[in-house]
PDB file of N, CA and C in Angstrom:
ATOM      1  N   MET A   1       5.957   1.853  -9.870  1.00  0.00           N
ATOM      2  CA  MET A   1       4.821   1.922 -10.718  1.00  0.00           C
ATOM      3  C   MET A   1       5.182   2.710 -11.967  1.00  0.00           C
ATOM      4  N   LYS A   2       4.420   2.494 -12.959  1.00  0.00           N
ATOM      5  CA  LYS A   2       4.749   2.971 -14.289  1.00  0.00           C
ATOM      6  C   LYS A   2       4.783   4.492 -14.396  1.00  0.00           C
ATOM      7  N   ASN A   3       3.811   5.177 -13.830  1.00  0.00           N
ATOM      8  CA  ASN A   3       3.685   6.621 -14.021  1.00  0.00           C
ATOM      9  C   ASN A   3       4.112   7.428 -12.802  1.00  0.00           C
ATOM     10  N   GLU A   4       4.847   6.834 -11.899  1.00  0.00           N
ATOM     11  CA  GLU A   4       5.247   7.516 -10.672  1.00  0.00           C
ATOM     12  C   GLU A   4       6.747   7.800 -10.697  1.00  0.00           C
ATOM     13  N   ASP A   5       7.182   8.696  -9.797  1.00  0.00           N
ATOM     14  CA  ASP A   5       8.610   8.964  -9.716  1.00  0.00           C
ATOM     15  C   ASP A   5       9.304   7.852  -8.923  1.00  0.00           C
ATOM     16  N   VAL A   6      10.621   7.923  -8.854  1.00  0.00           N
ATOM     17  CA  VAL A   6      11.408   6.851  -8.246  1.00  0.00           C
ATOM     18  C   VAL A   6      11.100   6.717  -6.756  1.00  0.00           C
ATOM     19  N   ALA A   7      10.959   7.833  -6.053  1.00  0.00           N
ATOM     20  CA  ALA A   7      10.698   7.783  -4.609  1.00  0.00           C
ATOM     21  C   ALA A   7       9.359   7.102  -4.319  1.00  0.00           C
ATOM     22  N   THR A   8       8.321   7.494  -5.041  1.00  0.00           N
ATOM     23  CA  THR A   8       7.001   6.887  -4.832  1.00  0.00           C
ATOM     24  C   THR A   8       7.026   5.409  -5.161  1.00  0.00           C
ATOM     25  N   SER A   9       7.680   5.056  -6.245  1.00  0.00           N
ATOM     26  CA  SER A   9       7.751   3.642  -6.637  1.00  0.00           C
ATOM     27  C   SER A   9       8.469   2.807  -5.588  1.00  0.00           C
ATOM     28  N   SER A  10       9.560   3.320  -5.043  1.00  0.00           N
ATOM     29  CA  SER A  10      10.293   2.544  -4.042  1.00  0.00           C
ATOM     30  C   SER A  10       9.493   2.421  -2.745  1.00  0.00           C
ATOM     31  N   ILE A  11       8.783   3.473  -2.348  1.00  0.00           N
ATOM     32  CA  ILE A  11       7.941   3.402  -1.150  1.00  0.00           C
ATOM     33  C   ILE A  11       6.838   2.375  -1.357  1.00  0.00           C
ATOM     34  N   GLU A  12       6.207   2.384  -2.522  1.00  0.00           N
ATOM     35  CA  GLU A  12       5.125   1.440  -2.783  1.00  0.00           C
ATOM     36  C   GLU A  12       5.642   0.008  -2.858  1.00  0.00           C
ATOM     37  N   GLN A  13       6.854  -0.186  -3.367  1.00  0.00           N
ATOM     38  CA  GLN A  13       7.418  -1.535  -3.404  1.00  0.00           C
ATOM     39  C   GLN A  13       7.659  -2.057  -1.983  1.00  0.00           C
ATOM     40  N   MET A  14       8.135  -1.195  -1.078  1.00  0.00           N
ATOM     41  CA  MET A  14       8.342  -1.609   0.304  1.00  0.00           C
ATOM     42  C   MET A  14       7.010  -1.829   1.019  1.00  0.00           C
ATOM     43  N   THR A  15       6.043  -0.967   0.755  1.00  0.00           N
ATOM     44  CA  THR A  15       4.746  -1.065   1.409  1.00  0.00           C
ATOM     45  C   THR A  15       4.005  -2.334   1.015  1.00  0.00           C
ATOM     46  N   LYS A  16       4.189  -2.778  -0.221  1.00  0.00           N
ATOM     47  CA  LYS A  16       3.512  -3.992  -0.690  1.00  0.00           C
ATOM     48  C   LYS A  16       3.911  -5.227   0.114  1.00  0.00           C
ATOM     49  N   ARG A  17       5.092  -5.212   0.688  1.00  0.00           N
ATOM     50  CA  ARG A  17       5.589  -6.381   1.424  1.00  0.00           C
ATOM     51  C   ARG A  17       4.926  -6.567   2.783  1.00  0.00           C
ATOM     52  N   VAL A  18       4.344  -5.513   3.324  1.00  0.00           N
ATOM     53  CA  VAL A  18       3.719  -5.588   4.645  1.00  0.00           C
ATOM     54  C   VAL A  18       2.335  -6.216   4.489  1.00  0.00           C
ATOM     55  N   PRO A  19       2.051  -7.293   5.220  1.00  0.00           N
ATOM     56  CA  PRO A  19       0.719  -7.901   5.108  1.00  0.00           C
ATOM     57  C   PRO A  19      -0.360  -6.974   5.668  1.00  0.00           C
ATOM     58  N   SER A  20      -1.517  -7.005   5.044  1.00  0.00           N
ATOM     59  CA  SER A  20      -2.621  -6.124   5.455  1.00  0.00           C
ATOM     60  C   SER A  20      -3.059  -6.391   6.887  1.00  0.00           C
ATOM     61  N   VAL A  21      -2.981  -7.635   7.318  1.00  0.00           N
ATOM     62  CA  VAL A  21      -3.401  -7.961   8.678  1.00  0.00           C
ATOM     63  C   VAL A  21      -2.459  -7.329   9.710  1.00  0.00           C
ATOM     64  N   GLY A  22      -1.250  -7.011   9.317  1.00  0.00           N
ATOM     65  CA  GLY A  22      -0.314  -6.341  10.221  1.00  0.00           C
ATOM     66  C   GLY A  22      -0.817  -4.974  10.654  1.00  0.00           C
ATOM     67  N   PHE A  23      -1.388  -4.234   9.702  1.00  0.00           N
ATOM     68  CA  PHE A  23      -1.940  -2.921  10.043  1.00  0.00           C
ATOM     69  C   PHE A  23      -3.132  -3.053  10.984  1.00  0.00           C
ATOM     70  N   LEU A  24      -3.972  -4.053  10.750  1.00  0.00           N
ATOM     71  CA  LEU A  24      -5.119  -4.278  11.623  1.00  0.00           C
ATOM     72  C   LEU A  24      -4.652  -4.644  13.025  1.00  0.00           C
ATOM     73  N   GLY A  25      -3.629  -5.490  13.113  1.00  0.00           N
ATOM     74  CA  GLY A  25      -3.094  -5.873  14.421  1.00  0.00           C
ATOM     75  C   GLY A  25      -2.517  -4.689  15.171  1.00  0.00           C
ATOM     76  N   LEU A  26      -1.789  -3.827  14.461  1.00  0.00           N
ATOM     77  CA  LEU A  26      -1.235  -2.632  15.109  1.00  0.00           C
ATOM     78  C   LEU A  26      -2.346  -1.706  15.607  1.00  0.00           C
ATOM     79  N   ALA A  27      -3.390  -1.537  14.808  1.00  0.00           N
ATOM     80  CA  ALA A  27      -4.494  -0.661  15.212  1.00  0.00           C
ATOM     81  C   ALA A  27      -5.211  -1.231  16.448  1.00  0.00           C
ATOM     82  N   LEU A  28      -5.461  -2.531  16.439  1.00  0.00           N
ATOM     83  CA  LEU A  28      -6.104  -3.155  17.610  1.00  0.00           C
ATOM     84  C   LEU A  28      -5.199  -3.067  18.835  1.00  0.00           C
ATOM     85  N   GLY A  29      -3.896  -3.217  18.632  1.00  0.00           N
ATOM     86  CA  GLY A  29      -2.947  -3.074  19.736  1.00  0.00           C
ATOM     87  C   GLY A  29      -2.962  -1.670  20.315  1.00  0.00           C
ATOM     88  N   ALA A  30      -3.029  -0.663  19.435  1.00  0.00           N
ATOM     89  CA  ALA A  30      -3.088   0.724  19.902  1.00  0.00           C
ATOM     90  C   ALA A  30      -4.363   0.967  20.712  1.00  0.00           C
ATOM     91  N   MET A  31      -5.462   0.390  20.261  1.00  0.00           N
ATOM     92  CA  MET A  31      -6.713   0.550  21.017  1.00  0.00           C
ATOM     93  C   MET A  31      -6.633  -0.138  22.370  1.00  0.00           C
ATOM     94  N   ALA A  32      -6.006  -1.315  22.421  1.00  0.00           N
ATOM     95  CA  ALA A  32      -5.867  -2.034  23.696  1.00  0.00           C
ATOM     96  C   ALA A  32      -4.974  -1.262  24.660  1.00  0.00           C
ATOM     97  N   VAL A  33      -3.866  -0.726  24.150  1.00  0.00           N
ATOM     98  CA  VAL A  33      -2.970   0.062  25.004  1.00  0.00           C
ATOM     99  C   VAL A  33      -3.686   1.312  25.491  1.00  0.00           C
ATOM    100  N   SER A  34      -4.473   1.936  24.611  1.00  0.00           N
ATOM    101  CA  SER A  34      -5.221   3.126  24.998  1.00  0.00           C
ATOM    102  C   SER A  34      -6.235   2.806  26.095  1.00  0.00           C
ATOM    103  N   ALA A  35      -6.929   1.685  25.957  1.00  0.00           N
ATOM    104  CA  ALA A  35      -7.907   1.295  26.978  1.00  0.00           C
ATOM    105  C   ALA A  35      -7.213   1.004  28.310  1.00  0.00           C
ATOM    106  N   THR A  36      -6.058   0.353  28.235  1.00  0.00           N
ATOM    107  CA  THR A  36      -5.304   0.059  29.461  1.00  0.00           C
ATOM    108  C   THR A  36      -4.851   1.343  30.144  1.00  0.00           C
ATOM    109  N   LEU A  37      -4.354   2.289  29.357  1.00  0.00           N
ATOM    110  CA  LEU A  37      -3.933   3.572  29.927  1.00  0.00           C
ATOM    111  C   LEU A  37      -5.106   4.319  30.544  1.00  0.00           C
ATOM    112  N   MET A  38      -6.269   4.195  29.925  1.00  0.00           N
ATOM    113  CA  MET A  38      -7.454   4.853  30.480  1.00  0.00           C
ATOM    114  C   MET A  38      -7.828   4.229  31.827  1.00  0.00           C
ATOM    115  N   LEU A  39      -7.725   2.904  31.911  1.00  0.00           N
ATOM    116  CA  LEU A  39      -8.023   2.230  33.180  1.00  0.00           C
ATOM    117  C   LEU A  39      -7.009   2.584  34.265  1.00  0.00           C
ATOM    118  N   LEU A  40      -5.788   2.911  33.858  1.00  0.00           N
ATOM    119  CA  LEU A  40      -4.757   3.309  34.809  1.00  0.00           C
ATOM    120  C   LEU A  40      -4.806   4.809  35.126  1.00  0.00           C
ATOM    121  N   ASN A  41      -5.873   5.463  34.631  1.00  0.00           N
ATOM    122  CA  ASN A  41      -6.095   6.880  34.881  1.00  0.00           C
ATOM    123  C   ASN A  41      -5.023   7.769  34.251  1.00  0.00           C
ATOM    124  N   ARG A  42      -4.490   7.346  33.125  1.00  0.00           N
ATOM    125  CA  ARG A  42      -3.525   8.158  32.350  1.00  0.00           C
ATOM    126  C   ARG A  42      -4.243   8.656  31.101  1.00  0.00           C
ATOM    127  N   LYS A  43      -5.223   9.531  31.290  1.00  0.00           N
ATOM    128  CA  LYS A  43      -6.139   9.922  30.219  1.00  0.00           C
ATOM    129  C   LYS A  43      -5.450  10.643  29.064  1.00  0.00           C
ATOM    130  N   THR A  44      -4.485  11.476  29.350  1.00  0.00           N
ATOM    131  CA  THR A  44      -3.799  12.188  28.276  1.00  0.00           C
ATOM    132  C   THR A  44      -3.058  11.214  27.374  1.00  0.00           C
ATOM    133  N   TRP A  45      -2.327  10.278  27.977  1.00  0.00           N
ATOM    134  CA  TRP A  45      -1.614   9.267  27.189  1.00  0.00           C
ATOM    135  C   TRP A  45      -2.592   8.337  26.479  1.00  0.00           C
ATOM    136  N   ALA A  46      -3.700   8.015  27.120  1.00  0.00           N
ATOM    137  CA  ALA A  46      -4.707   7.151  26.502  1.00  0.00           C
ATOM    138  C   ALA A  46      -5.271   7.795  25.235  1.00  0.00           C
ATOM    139  N   ASN A  47      -5.541   9.090  25.297  1.00  0.00           N
ATOM    140  CA  ASN A  47      -6.035   9.804  24.119  1.00  0.00           C
ATOM    141  C   ASN A  47      -4.968   9.865  23.024  1.00  0.00           C
ATOM    142  N   PHE A  48      -3.732  10.096  23.417  1.00  0.00           N
ATOM    143  CA  PHE A  48      -2.633  10.169  22.453  1.00  0.00           C
ATOM    144  C   PHE A  48      -2.467   8.845  21.708  1.00  0.00           C
ATOM    145  N   VAL A  49      -2.390   7.750  22.440  1.00  0.00           N
ATOM    146  CA  VAL A  49      -2.200   6.434  21.819  1.00  0.00           C
ATOM    147  C   VAL A  49      -3.462   6.018  21.060  1.00  0.00           C
ATOM    148  N   GLY A  50      -4.624   6.371  21.562  1.00  0.00           N
ATOM    149  CA  GLY A  50      -5.875   6.016  20.895  1.00  0.00           C
ATOM    150  C   GLY A  50      -6.024   6.653  19.529  1.00  0.00           C
ATOM    151  N   GLN A  51      -5.374   7.786  19.324  1.00  0.00           N
ATOM    152  CA  GLN A  51      -5.445   8.447  18.023  1.00  0.00           C
ATOM    153  C   GLN A  51      -4.537   7.810  16.976  1.00  0.00           C
ATOM    154  N   TRP A  52      -3.722   6.862  17.369  1.00  0.00           N
ATOM    155  CA  TRP A  52      -2.887   6.149  16.401  1.00  0.00           C
ATOM    156  C   TRP A  52      -3.715   5.200  15.540  1.00  0.00           C
ATOM    157  N   ALA A  53      -4.765   4.630  16.118  1.00  0.00           N
ATOM    158  CA  ALA A  53      -5.543   3.595  15.418  1.00  0.00           C
ATOM    159  C   ALA A  53      -6.089   4.066  14.064  1.00  0.00           C
ATOM    160  N   PRO A  54      -6.751   5.226  13.961  1.00  0.00           N
ATOM    161  CA  PRO A  54      -7.251   5.631  12.646  1.00  0.00           C
ATOM    162  C   PRO A  54      -6.131   5.865  11.634  1.00  0.00           C
ATOM    163  N   THR A  55      -5.015   6.409  12.101  1.00  0.00           N
ATOM    164  CA  THR A  55      -3.884   6.637  11.198  1.00  0.00           C
ATOM    165  C   THR A  55      -3.339   5.317  10.668  1.00  0.00           C
ATOM    166  N   ILE A  56      -3.192   4.346  11.536  1.00  0.00           N
ATOM    167  CA  ILE A  56      -2.689   3.034  11.127  1.00  0.00           C
ATOM    168  C   ILE A  56      -3.665   2.377  10.152  1.00  0.00           C
ATOM    169  N   LEU A  57      -4.963   2.507  10.402  1.00  0.00           N
ATOM    170  CA  LEU A  57      -5.953   1.929   9.491  1.00  0.00           C
ATOM    171  C   LEU A  57      -5.944   2.614   8.127  1.00  0.00           C
ATOM    172  N   ILE A  58      -5.708   3.919   8.102  1.00  0.00           N
ATOM    173  CA  ILE A  58      -5.593   4.628   6.819  1.00  0.00           C
ATOM    174  C   ILE A  58      -4.361   4.149   6.067  1.00  0.00           C
ATOM    175  N   LEU A  59      -3.249   3.940   6.775  1.00  0.00           N
ATOM    176  CA  LEU A  59      -2.055   3.398   6.130  1.00  0.00           C
ATOM    177  C   LEU A  59      -2.317   1.990   5.590  1.00  0.00           C
ATOM    178  N   GLY A  60      -3.084   1.203   6.318  1.00  0.00           N
ATOM    179  CA  GLY A  60      -3.453  -0.123   5.845  1.00  0.00           C
ATOM    180  C   GLY A  60      -4.318  -0.062   4.598  1.00  0.00           C
ATOM    181  N   THR A  61      -5.213   0.909   4.536  1.00  0.00           N
ATOM    182  CA  THR A  61      -6.041   1.092   3.345  1.00  0.00           C
ATOM    183  C   THR A  61      -5.180   1.485   2.150  1.00  0.00           C
ATOM    184  N   TYR A  62      -4.231   2.378   2.361  1.00  0.00           N
ATOM    185  CA  TYR A  62      -3.305   2.759   1.293  1.00  0.00           C
ATOM    186  C   TYR A  62      -2.515   1.539   0.820  1.00  0.00           C
ATOM    187  N   ASN A  63      -2.058   0.737   1.761  1.00  0.00           N
ATOM    188  CA  ASN A  63      -1.323  -0.481   1.435  1.00  0.00           C
ATOM    189  C   ASN A  63      -2.164  -1.395   0.548  1.00  0.00           C
ATOM    190  N   LYS A  64      -3.422  -1.565   0.900  1.00  0.00           N
ATOM    191  CA  LYS A  64      -4.312  -2.436   0.131  1.00  0.00           C
ATOM    192  C   LYS A  64      -4.552  -1.870  -1.266  1.00  0.00           C
ATOM    193  N   LEU A  65      -4.722  -0.569  -1.364  1.00  0.00           N
ATOM    194  CA  LEU A  65      -4.911   0.054  -2.670  1.00  0.00           C
ATOM    195  C   LEU A  65      -3.688  -0.124  -3.564  1.00  0.00           C
ATOM    196  N   VAL A  66      -2.516   0.034  -2.976  1.00  0.00           N
ATOM    197  CA  VAL A  66      -1.285  -0.138  -3.749  1.00  0.00           C
ATOM    198  C   VAL A  66      -1.170  -1.566  -4.251  1.00  0.00           C
ATOM    199  N   LYS A  67      -1.504  -2.520  -3.391  1.00  0.00           N
ATOM    200  CA  LYS A  67      -1.428  -3.919  -3.800  1.00  0.00           C
ATOM    201  C   LYS A  67      -2.448  -4.247  -4.880  1.00  0.00           C
ATOM    202  N   THR A  68      -3.633  -3.678  -4.781  1.00  0.00           N
ATOM    203  CA  THR A  68      -4.725  -4.043  -5.668  1.00  0.00           C
ATOM    204  C   THR A  68      -4.678  -3.306  -7.001  1.00  0.00           C
ATOM    205  N   PHE A  69      -4.387  -2.023  -6.965  1.00  0.00           N
ATOM    206  CA  PHE A  69      -4.538  -1.213  -8.163  1.00  0.00           C
ATOM    207  C   PHE A  69      -3.241  -0.681  -8.746  1.00  0.00           C
ATOM    208  N   SER A  70      -2.099  -1.236  -8.368  1.00  0.00           N
ATOM    209  CA  SER A  70      -0.855  -0.723  -8.925  1.00  0.00           C
ATOM    210  C   SER A  70      -0.769  -1.092 -10.403  1.00  0.00           C
ATOM    211  N   ALA A  71      -0.308  -0.144 -11.181  1.00  0.00           N
ATOM    212  CA  ALA A  71      -0.224  -0.348 -12.627  1.00  0.00           C
ATOM    213  C   ALA A  71       0.939  -1.272 -12.970  1.00  0.00           C
ATOM    214  N   PRO A  72       0.761  -2.155 -13.943  1.00  0.00           N
ATOM    215  CA  PRO A  72       1.866  -3.025 -14.347  1.00  0.00           C
ATOM    216  C   PRO A  72       2.935  -2.230 -15.095  1.00  0.00           C
ATOM    217  N   TYR A  73       4.150  -2.759 -15.102  1.00  0.00           N
ATOM    218  CA  TYR A  73       5.255  -2.084 -15.772  1.00  0.00           C
ATOM    219  C   TYR A  73       5.129  -2.161 -17.291  1.00  0.00           C
ATOM    220  N   ASP A  74       4.664  -3.277 -17.800  1.00  0.00           N
ATOM    221  CA  ASP A  74       4.574  -3.437 -19.237  1.00  0.00           C
ATOM    222  C   ASP A  74       3.401  -4.341 -19.592  1.00  0.00           C
ATOM    223  N   GLU A  75       3.188  -4.517 -20.877  1.00  0.00           N
ATOM    224  CA  GLU A  75       2.056  -5.300 -21.367  1.00  0.00           C
ATOM    225  C   GLU A  75       2.147  -6.759 -20.935  1.00  0.00           C
ATOM    226  N   GLU A  76       3.353  -7.309 -20.927  1.00  0.00           N
ATOM    227  CA  GLU A  76       3.528  -8.710 -20.545  1.00  0.00           C
ATOM    228  C   GLU A  76       3.120  -8.932 -19.085  1.00  0.00           C
ATOM    229  N   GLN A  77       3.531  -8.027 -18.203  1.00  0.00           N
ATOM    230  CA  GLN A  77       3.175  -8.146 -16.792  1.00  0.00           C
ATOM    231  C   GLN A  77       1.661  -7.991 -16.608  1.00  0.00           C
ATOM    232  N   ARG A  78       1.045  -7.118 -17.389  1.00  0.00           N
ATOM    233  CA  ARG A  78      -0.397  -6.931 -17.303  1.00  0.00           C
ATOM    234  C   ARG A  78      -1.127  -8.208 -17.700  1.00  0.00           C
ATOM    235  N   LEU A  79      -0.637  -8.876 -18.735  1.00  0.00           N
ATOM    236  CA  LEU A  79      -1.253 -10.123 -19.179  1.00  0.00           C
ATOM    237  C   LEU A  79      -1.088 -11.223 -18.143  1.00  0.00           C
ATOM    238  N   GLN A  80       0.042 -11.229 -17.428  1.00  0.00           N
ATOM    239  CA  GLN A  80       0.275 -12.227 -16.391  1.00  0.00           C
ATOM    240  C   GLN A  80      -0.719 -12.074 -15.245  1.00  0.00           C
ATOM    241  N   HIS A  81      -1.187 -10.863 -15.016  1.00  0.00           N
ATOM    242  CA  HIS A  81      -2.106 -10.605 -13.911  1.00  0.00           C
ATOM    243  C   HIS A  81      -3.564 -10.623 -14.364  1.00  0.00           C
ATOM    244  N   GLY A  82      -3.842 -11.250 -15.496  1.00  0.00           N
ATOM    245  CA  GLY A  82      -5.219 -11.436 -15.918  1.00  0.00           C
ATOM    246  C   GLY A  82      -5.773 -10.384 -16.844  1.00  0.00           C
ATOM    247  N   GLY A  83      -4.938  -9.463 -17.317  1.00  0.00           N
ATOM    248  CA  GLY A  83      -5.419  -8.456 -18.263  1.00  0.00           C
ATOM    249  C   GLY A  83      -5.551  -9.048 -19.655  1.00  0.00           C
ATOM    250  N   HIS A  84      -6.223  -8.342 -20.522  1.00  0.00           N
ATOM    251  CA  HIS A  84      -6.402  -8.783 -21.903  1.00  0.00           C
ATOM    252  C   HIS A  84      -5.434  -8.024 -22.791  1.00  0.00           C
ATOM    253  N   ALA A  85      -5.092  -8.622 -23.917  1.00  0.00           N
ATOM    254  CA  ALA A  85      -4.190  -7.971 -24.865  1.00  0.00           C
ATOM    255  C   ALA A  85      -4.812  -6.660 -25.329  1.00  0.00           C
ATOM    256  N   SER A  86      -4.003  -5.650 -25.417  1.00  0.00           N
ATOM    257  CA  SER A  86      -4.478  -4.331 -25.791  1.00  0.00           C
ATOM    258  C   SER A  86      -4.708  -4.268 -27.298  1.00  0.00           C
ATOM    259  N   ILE A  87      -5.889  -3.840 -27.708  1.00  0.00           N
ATOM    260  CA  ILE A  87      -6.167  -3.696 -29.137  1.00  0.00           C
ATOM    261  C   ILE A  87      -5.731  -2.321 -29.643  1.00  0.00           C
ATOM    262  N   LEU A  88      -5.373  -1.434 -28.735  1.00  0.00           N
ATOM    263  CA  LEU A  88      -4.972  -0.091 -29.124  1.00  0.00           C
ATOM    264  C   LEU A  88      -3.490   0.017 -29.447  1.00  0.00           C
ATOM    265  N   LYS A  89      -2.701  -0.966 -29.043  1.00  0.00           N
ATOM    266  CA  LYS A  89      -1.266  -0.917 -29.271  1.00  0.00           C
ATOM    267  C   LYS A  89      -0.903  -1.743 -30.488  1.00  0.00           C
ATOM    268  N   GLY A  90       0.004  -1.219 -31.271  1.00  0.00           N
ATOM    269  CA  GLY A  90       0.497  -1.948 -32.429  1.00  0.00           C
ATOM    270  C   GLY A  90       1.540  -2.970 -32.018  1.00  0.00           C
ATOM    271  N   PRO A  91       1.951  -3.871 -32.924  1.00  0.00           N
ATOM    272  CA  PRO A  91       2.935  -4.901 -32.588  1.00  0.00           C
ATOM    273  C   PRO A  91       4.276  -4.329 -32.140  1.00  0.00           C
ATOM    274  N   GLU A  92       4.667  -3.182 -32.711  1.00  0.00           N
ATOM    275  CA  GLU A  92       5.954  -2.594 -32.309  1.00  0.00           C
ATOM    276  C   GLU A  92       5.905  -2.079 -30.877  1.00  0.00           C
ATOM    277  N   GLU A  93       4.770  -1.591 -30.430  1.00  0.00           N
ATOM    278  CA  GLU A  93       4.641  -1.130 -29.044  1.00  0.00           C
ATOM    279  C   GLU A  93       4.574  -2.300 -28.073  1.00  0.00           C
ATOM    280  N   MET A  94       3.980  -3.393 -28.511  1.00  0.00           N
ATOM    281  CA  MET A  94       3.860  -4.567 -27.648  1.00  0.00           C
ATOM    282  C   MET A  94       5.226  -5.181 -27.360  1.00  0.00           C
ATOM    283  N   SER A  95       6.153  -5.108 -28.308  1.00  0.00           N
ATOM    284  CA  SER A  95       7.462  -5.733 -28.129  1.00  0.00           C
ATOM    285  C   SER A  95       8.502  -4.775 -27.560  1.00  0.00           C
ATOM    286  N   ARG A  96       8.176  -3.496 -27.451  1.00  0.00           N
ATOM    287  CA  ARG A  96       9.132  -2.504 -26.968  1.00  0.00           C
ATOM    288  C   ARG A  96       9.365  -2.669 -25.469  1.00  0.00           C
ATOM    289  N   GLN A  97      10.616  -2.588 -25.047  1.00  0.00           N
ATOM    290  CA  GLN A  97      10.986  -2.710 -23.639  1.00  0.00           C
ATOM    291  C   GLN A  97      10.757  -1.370 -22.933  1.00  0.00           C
ATOM    292  N   PRO A  98      10.306  -1.410 -21.667  1.00  0.00           N
ATOM    293  CA  PRO A  98      10.106  -0.160 -20.934  1.00  0.00           C
ATOM    294  C   PRO A  98      11.438   0.504 -20.610  1.00  0.00           C
ATOM    295  N   ARG A  99      11.388   1.829 -20.482  1.00  0.00           N
ATOM    296  CA  ARG A  99      12.589   2.567 -20.111  1.00  0.00           C
ATOM    297  C   ARG A  99      12.870   2.397 -18.634  1.00  0.00           C
ATOM    298  N   PRO A 100      14.149   2.385 -18.246  1.00  0.00           N
ATOM    299  CA  PRO A 100      14.471   2.280 -16.806  1.00  0.00           C
ATOM    300  C   PRO A 100      14.024   3.557 -16.079  1.00  0.00           C
ATOM    301  N   LEU A 101      13.749   3.422 -14.787  1.00  0.00           N
ATOM    302  CA  LEU A 101      13.268   4.542 -13.980  1.00  0.00           C
ATOM    303  C   LEU A 101      14.366   5.485 -13.521  1.00  0.00           C
ATOM    304  N   ILE A 102      15.571   5.213 -13.832  1.00  0.00           N
ATOM    305  CA  ILE A 102      16.694   6.009 -13.346  1.00  0.00           C
ATOM    306  C   ILE A 102      16.751   7.348 -14.001  1.00  0.00           C
TER     307      ILE A 102
END
């Protein structure tokens, strides 16, 4: 992302690849395993695994936010994603290439 450091940008690039339904499936799986453990009278383990579901759902929410609201790298990419041409930038800024993140 444009205003983030290299570590955050690389994490967000990897996170974007995971489908949102994957997080929902993992959370539902954790709840099913927790319910099964509870039925097997393993209450401590059931509580431990059951607490994974909210964490996984929060990670899924973060994933969705990154996909939806990530800032474009440059004006051209913003226009490709449905943005409007910026009236605040001059022609020299519109044609300028972004600096590498290195």
